[in-house]
PDB file of N, CA and C in Angstrom:
ATOM      1  N   MET A   1     -25.986 123.626 177.381  1.00  0.00           N
ATOM      2  CA  MET A   1     -24.528 123.801 177.440  1.00  0.00           C
ATOM      3  C   MET A   1     -24.138 125.277 177.642  1.00  0.00           C
ATOM      4  N   GLU A   2     -25.058 126.166 177.525  1.00  0.00           N
ATOM      5  CA  GLU A   2     -24.705 127.532 177.718  1.00  0.00           C
ATOM      6  C   GLU A   2     -24.067 127.869 179.043  1.00  0.00           C
ATOM      7  N   ASP A   3     -24.432 127.195 180.102  1.00  0.00           N
ATOM      8  CA  ASP A   3     -23.896 127.439 181.404  1.00  0.00           C
ATOM      9  C   ASP A   3     -22.638 126.569 181.707  1.00  0.00           C
ATOM     10  N   THR A   4     -22.134 125.880 180.729  1.00  0.00           N
ATOM     11  CA  THR A   4     -21.027 125.032 180.960  1.00  0.00           C
ATOM     12  C   THR A   4     -19.756 125.811 180.693  1.00  0.00           C
ATOM     13  N   ASP A   5     -18.715 125.682 181.625  1.00  0.00           N
ATOM     14  CA  ASP A   5     -17.474 126.378 181.429  1.00  0.00           C
ATOM     15  C   ASP A   5     -16.386 125.311 181.057  1.00  0.00           C
ATOM     16  N   ILE A   6     -15.402 125.711 180.351  1.00  0.00           N
ATOM     17  CA  ILE A   6     -14.272 124.796 180.047  1.00  0.00           C
ATOM     18  C   ILE A   6     -13.025 125.610 180.057  1.00  0.00           C
ATOM     19  N   VAL A   7     -11.973 124.989 180.579  1.00  0.00           N
ATOM     20  CA  VAL A   7     -10.634 125.617 180.663  1.00  0.00           C
ATOM     21  C   VAL A   7      -9.606 124.699 179.954  1.00  0.00           C
ATOM     22  N   LEU A   8      -8.803 125.288 179.053  1.00  0.00           N
ATOM     23  CA  LEU A   8      -7.760 124.590 178.314  1.00  0.00           C
ATOM     24  C   LEU A   8      -6.460 125.093 178.783  1.00  0.00           C
ATOM     25  N   GLU A   9      -5.579 124.150 179.316  1.00  0.00           N
ATOM     26  CA  GLU A   9      -4.256 124.473 179.698  1.00  0.00           C
ATOM     27  C   GLU A   9      -3.314 123.508 178.902  1.00  0.00           C
ATOM     28  N   VAL A  10      -2.310 124.109 178.425  1.00  0.00           N
ATOM     29  CA  VAL A  10      -1.236 123.249 177.678  1.00  0.00           C
ATOM     30  C   VAL A  10       0.149 123.595 178.413  1.00  0.00           C
ATOM     31  N   ASP A  11       0.685 122.558 179.012  1.00  0.00           N
ATOM     32  CA  ASP A  11       1.940 122.722 179.776  1.00  0.00           C
ATOM     33  C   ASP A  11       1.874 123.793 180.805  1.00  0.00           C
ATOM     34  N   GLY A  12       0.672 123.913 181.513  1.00  0.00           N
ATOM     35  CA  GLY A  12       0.512 124.857 182.554  1.00  0.00           C
ATOM     36  C   GLY A  12       0.106 126.266 182.100  1.00  0.00           C
ATOM     37  N   LYS A  13      -0.005 126.488 180.778  1.00  0.00           N
ATOM     38  CA  LYS A  13      -0.395 127.860 180.219  1.00  0.00           C
ATOM     39  C   LYS A  13      -1.843 127.787 179.773  1.00  0.00           C
ATOM     40  N   ASN A  14      -2.612 128.723 180.308  1.00  0.00           N
ATOM     41  CA  ASN A  14      -4.019 128.857 179.994  1.00  0.00           C
ATOM     42  C   ASN A  14      -4.099 129.310 178.531  1.00  0.00           C
ATOM     43  N   ILE A  15      -4.895 128.526 177.774  1.00  0.00           N
ATOM     44  CA  ILE A  15      -5.092 128.824 176.334  1.00  0.00           C
ATOM     45  C   ILE A  15      -6.508 129.412 176.159  1.00  0.00           C
ATOM     46  N   PRO A  16      -6.664 130.658 175.719  1.00  0.00           N
ATOM     47  CA  PRO A  16      -8.023 131.224 175.485  1.00  0.00           C
ATOM     48  C   PRO A  16      -8.722 130.581 174.298  1.00  0.00           C
ATOM     49  N   MET A  17      -9.989 130.482 174.387  1.00  0.00           N
ATOM     50  CA  MET A  17     -10.739 129.873 173.300  1.00  0.00           C
ATOM     51  C   MET A  17     -11.913 130.775 172.954  1.00  0.00           C
ATOM     52  N   ASN A  18     -12.317 130.840 171.652  1.00  0.00           N
ATOM     53  CA  ASN A  18     -13.456 131.642 171.245  1.00  0.00           C
ATOM     54  C   ASN A  18     -14.723 130.875 171.605  1.00  0.00           C
ATOM     55  N   ASP A  19     -15.870 131.453 171.419  1.00  0.00           N
ATOM     56  CA  ASP A  19     -17.103 130.838 171.787  1.00  0.00           C
ATOM     57  C   ASP A  19     -17.389 129.562 170.931  1.00  0.00           C
ATOM     58  N   PHE A  20     -16.998 129.612 169.729  1.00  0.00           N
ATOM     59  CA  PHE A  20     -17.223 128.451 168.835  1.00  0.00           C
ATOM     60  C   PHE A  20     -16.534 127.237 169.289  1.00  0.00           C
ATOM     61  N   VAL A  21     -15.213 127.410 169.577  1.00  0.00           N
ATOM     62  CA  VAL A  21     -14.345 126.294 170.019  1.00  0.00           C
ATOM     63  C   VAL A  21     -14.874 125.814 171.366  1.00  0.00           C
ATOM     64  N   ARG A  22     -15.186 126.748 172.234  1.00  0.00           N
ATOM     65  CA  ARG A  22     -15.678 126.403 173.572  1.00  0.00           C
ATOM     66  C   ARG A  22     -16.912 125.523 173.537  1.00  0.00           C
ATOM     67  N   LYS A  23     -17.903 125.910 172.669  1.00  0.00           N
ATOM     68  CA  LYS A  23     -19.174 125.177 172.523  1.00  0.00           C
ATOM     69  C   LYS A  23     -18.888 123.754 171.884  1.00  0.00           C
ATOM     70  N   ILE A  24     -18.028 123.684 170.908  1.00  0.00           N
ATOM     71  CA  ILE A  24     -17.692 122.365 170.228  1.00  0.00           C
ATOM     72  C   ILE A  24     -17.056 121.482 171.289  1.00  0.00           C
ATOM     73  N   LEU A  25     -16.078 121.913 171.983  1.00  0.00           N
ATOM     74  CA  LEU A  25     -15.334 121.046 172.969  1.00  0.00           C
ATOM     75  C   LEU A  25     -16.358 120.638 174.088  1.00  0.00           C
ATOM     76  N   CYS A  26     -17.108 121.592 174.654  1.00  0.00           N
ATOM     77  CA  CYS A  26     -18.064 121.233 175.678  1.00  0.00           C
ATOM     78  C   CYS A  26     -19.077 120.216 175.191  1.00  0.00           C
ATOM     79  N   GLY A  27     -19.561 120.392 173.966  1.00  0.00           N
ATOM     80  CA  GLY A  27     -20.565 119.372 173.431  1.00  0.00           C
ATOM     81  C   GLY A  27     -19.918 118.057 173.222  1.00  0.00           C
ATOM     82  N   MET A  28     -18.727 117.969 172.626  1.00  0.00           N
ATOM     83  CA  MET A  28     -18.089 116.741 172.376  1.00  0.00           C
ATOM     84  C   MET A  28     -17.802 116.006 173.718  1.00  0.00           C
ATOM     85  N   ILE A  29     -17.209 116.656 174.626  1.00  0.00           N
ATOM     86  CA  ILE A  29     -16.806 116.018 175.877  1.00  0.00           C
ATOM     87  C   ILE A  29     -18.067 115.515 176.670  1.00  0.00           C
ATOM     88  N   ALA A  30     -19.005 116.469 176.875  1.00  0.00           N
ATOM     89  CA  ALA A  30     -20.206 116.124 177.614  1.00  0.00           C
ATOM     90  C   ALA A  30     -21.014 115.053 176.958  1.00  0.00           C
ATOM     91  N   GLY A  31     -21.189 115.101 175.660  1.00  0.00           N
ATOM     92  CA  GLY A  31     -21.956 114.061 175.010  1.00  0.00           C
ATOM     93  C   GLY A  31     -21.241 112.729 175.024  1.00  0.00           C
ATOM     94  N   SER A  32     -19.939 112.722 174.868  1.00  0.00           N
ATOM     95  CA  SER A  32     -19.262 111.398 174.915  1.00  0.00           C
ATOM     96  C   SER A  32     -19.281 110.793 176.386  1.00  0.00           C
ATOM     97  N   VAL A  33     -19.039 111.636 177.366  1.00  0.00           N
ATOM     98  CA  VAL A  33     -19.076 111.111 178.721  1.00  0.00           C
ATOM     99  C   VAL A  33     -20.472 110.705 179.168  1.00  0.00           C
ATOM    100  N   GLU A  34     -21.492 111.472 178.746  1.00  0.00           N
ATOM    101  CA  GLU A  34     -22.839 111.120 179.158  1.00  0.00           C
ATOM    102  C   GLU A  34     -23.367 109.862 178.566  1.00  0.00           C
ATOM    103  N   SER A  35     -22.710 109.427 177.459  1.00  0.00           N
ATOM    104  CA  SER A  35     -23.131 108.177 176.830  1.00  0.00           C
ATOM    105  C   SER A  35     -22.523 106.974 177.529  1.00  0.00           C
ATOM    106  N   LEU A  36     -21.679 107.119 178.482  1.00  0.00           N
ATOM    107  CA  LEU A  36     -21.016 106.004 179.129  1.00  0.00           C
ATOM    108  C   LEU A  36     -21.940 105.488 180.275  1.00  0.00           C
ATOM    109  N   ARG A  37     -21.920 104.234 180.506  1.00  0.00           N
ATOM    110  CA  ARG A  37     -22.646 103.631 181.540  1.00  0.00           C
ATOM    111  C   ARG A  37     -22.095 104.095 182.897  1.00  0.00           C
ATOM    112  N   GLY A  38     -22.921 104.421 183.861  1.00  0.00           N
ATOM    113  CA  GLY A  38     -22.538 104.855 185.227  1.00  0.00           C
ATOM    114  C   GLY A  38     -22.458 106.363 185.326  1.00  0.00           C
ATOM    115  N   VAL A  39     -22.630 107.134 184.223  1.00  0.00           N
ATOM    116  CA  VAL A  39     -22.509 108.552 184.296  1.00  0.00           C
ATOM    117  C   VAL A  39     -24.019 109.172 184.312  1.00  0.00           C
ATOM    118  N   GLU A  40     -24.384 109.875 185.326  1.00  0.00           N
ATOM    119  CA  GLU A  40     -25.699 110.403 185.348  1.00  0.00           C
ATOM    120  C   GLU A  40     -25.728 111.751 184.593  1.00  0.00           C
ATOM    121  N   GLY A  41     -26.901 112.066 184.050  1.00  0.00           N
ATOM    122  CA  GLY A  41     -27.106 113.315 183.275  1.00  0.00           C
ATOM    123  C   GLY A  41     -26.956 114.543 184.075  1.00  0.00           C
ATOM    124  N   ASP A  42     -27.016 114.437 185.433  1.00  0.00           N
ATOM    125  CA  ASP A  42     -26.901 115.689 186.235  1.00  0.00           C
ATOM    126  C   ASP A  42     -25.488 115.838 186.887  1.00  0.00           C
ATOM    127  N   TRP A  43     -24.432 115.416 186.076  1.00  0.00           N
ATOM    128  CA  TRP A  43     -23.119 115.581 186.606  1.00  0.00           C
ATOM    129  C   TRP A  43     -22.767 117.036 186.808  1.00  0.00           C
ATOM    130  N   LYS A  44     -21.782 117.209 187.660  1.00  0.00           N
ATOM    131  CA  LYS A  44     -21.351 118.610 188.021  1.00  0.00           C
ATOM    132  C   LYS A  44     -20.063 118.954 187.398  1.00  0.00           C
ATOM    133  N   THR A  45     -19.094 118.028 187.462  1.00  0.00           N
ATOM    134  CA  THR A  45     -17.639 118.252 186.955  1.00  0.00           C
ATOM    135  C   THR A  45     -17.194 117.038 186.198  1.00  0.00           C
ATOM    136  N   ILE A  46     -16.489 117.373 185.090  1.00  0.00           N
ATOM    137  CA  ILE A  46     -15.756 116.330 184.321  1.00  0.00           C
ATOM    138  C   ILE A  46     -14.304 116.697 184.226  1.00  0.00           C
ATOM    139  N   SER A  47     -13.369 115.849 184.583  1.00  0.00           N
ATOM    140  CA  SER A  47     -11.973 116.206 184.520  1.00  0.00           C
ATOM    141  C   SER A  47     -11.344 115.188 183.608  1.00  0.00           C
ATOM    142  N   ILE A  48     -10.547 115.744 182.649  1.00  0.00           N
ATOM    143  CA  ILE A  48      -9.803 114.889 181.715  1.00  0.00           C
ATOM    144  C   ILE A  48      -8.381 115.399 181.641  1.00  0.00           C
ATOM    145  N   GLY A  49      -7.388 114.542 181.735  1.00  0.00           N
ATOM    146  CA  GLY A  49      -6.017 114.893 181.639  1.00  0.00           C
ATOM    147  C   GLY A  49      -5.413 114.056 180.469  1.00  0.00           C
ATOM    148  N   LEU A  50      -4.642 114.700 179.651  1.00  0.00           N
ATOM    149  CA  LEU A  50      -3.888 114.057 178.570  1.00  0.00           C
ATOM    150  C   LEU A  50      -2.432 114.221 178.723  1.00  0.00           C
ATOM    151  N   LYS A  51      -1.663 113.174 178.566  1.00  0.00           N
ATOM    152  CA  LYS A  51      -0.173 113.216 178.715  1.00  0.00           C
ATOM    153  C   LYS A  51       0.420 112.631 177.479  1.00  0.00           C
ATOM    154  N   ARG A  52       1.457 113.164 177.035  1.00  0.00           N
ATOM    155  CA  ARG A  52       2.146 112.594 175.888  1.00  0.00           C
ATOM    156  C   ARG A  52       3.562 112.393 176.244  1.00  0.00           C
TER     157      ARG A  52
END
């Protein structure tokens, strides 16, 4: 996960994250998505959008 990058935007504003939060979010998202059927371990990009 060291070479994984993550960007957090809220209402179009880039939100900076420290290394701890970056590693936690990357691990949670990648681990969850990789456990799904049809997702290969060599994925290049994961995009997630949340709306409220």
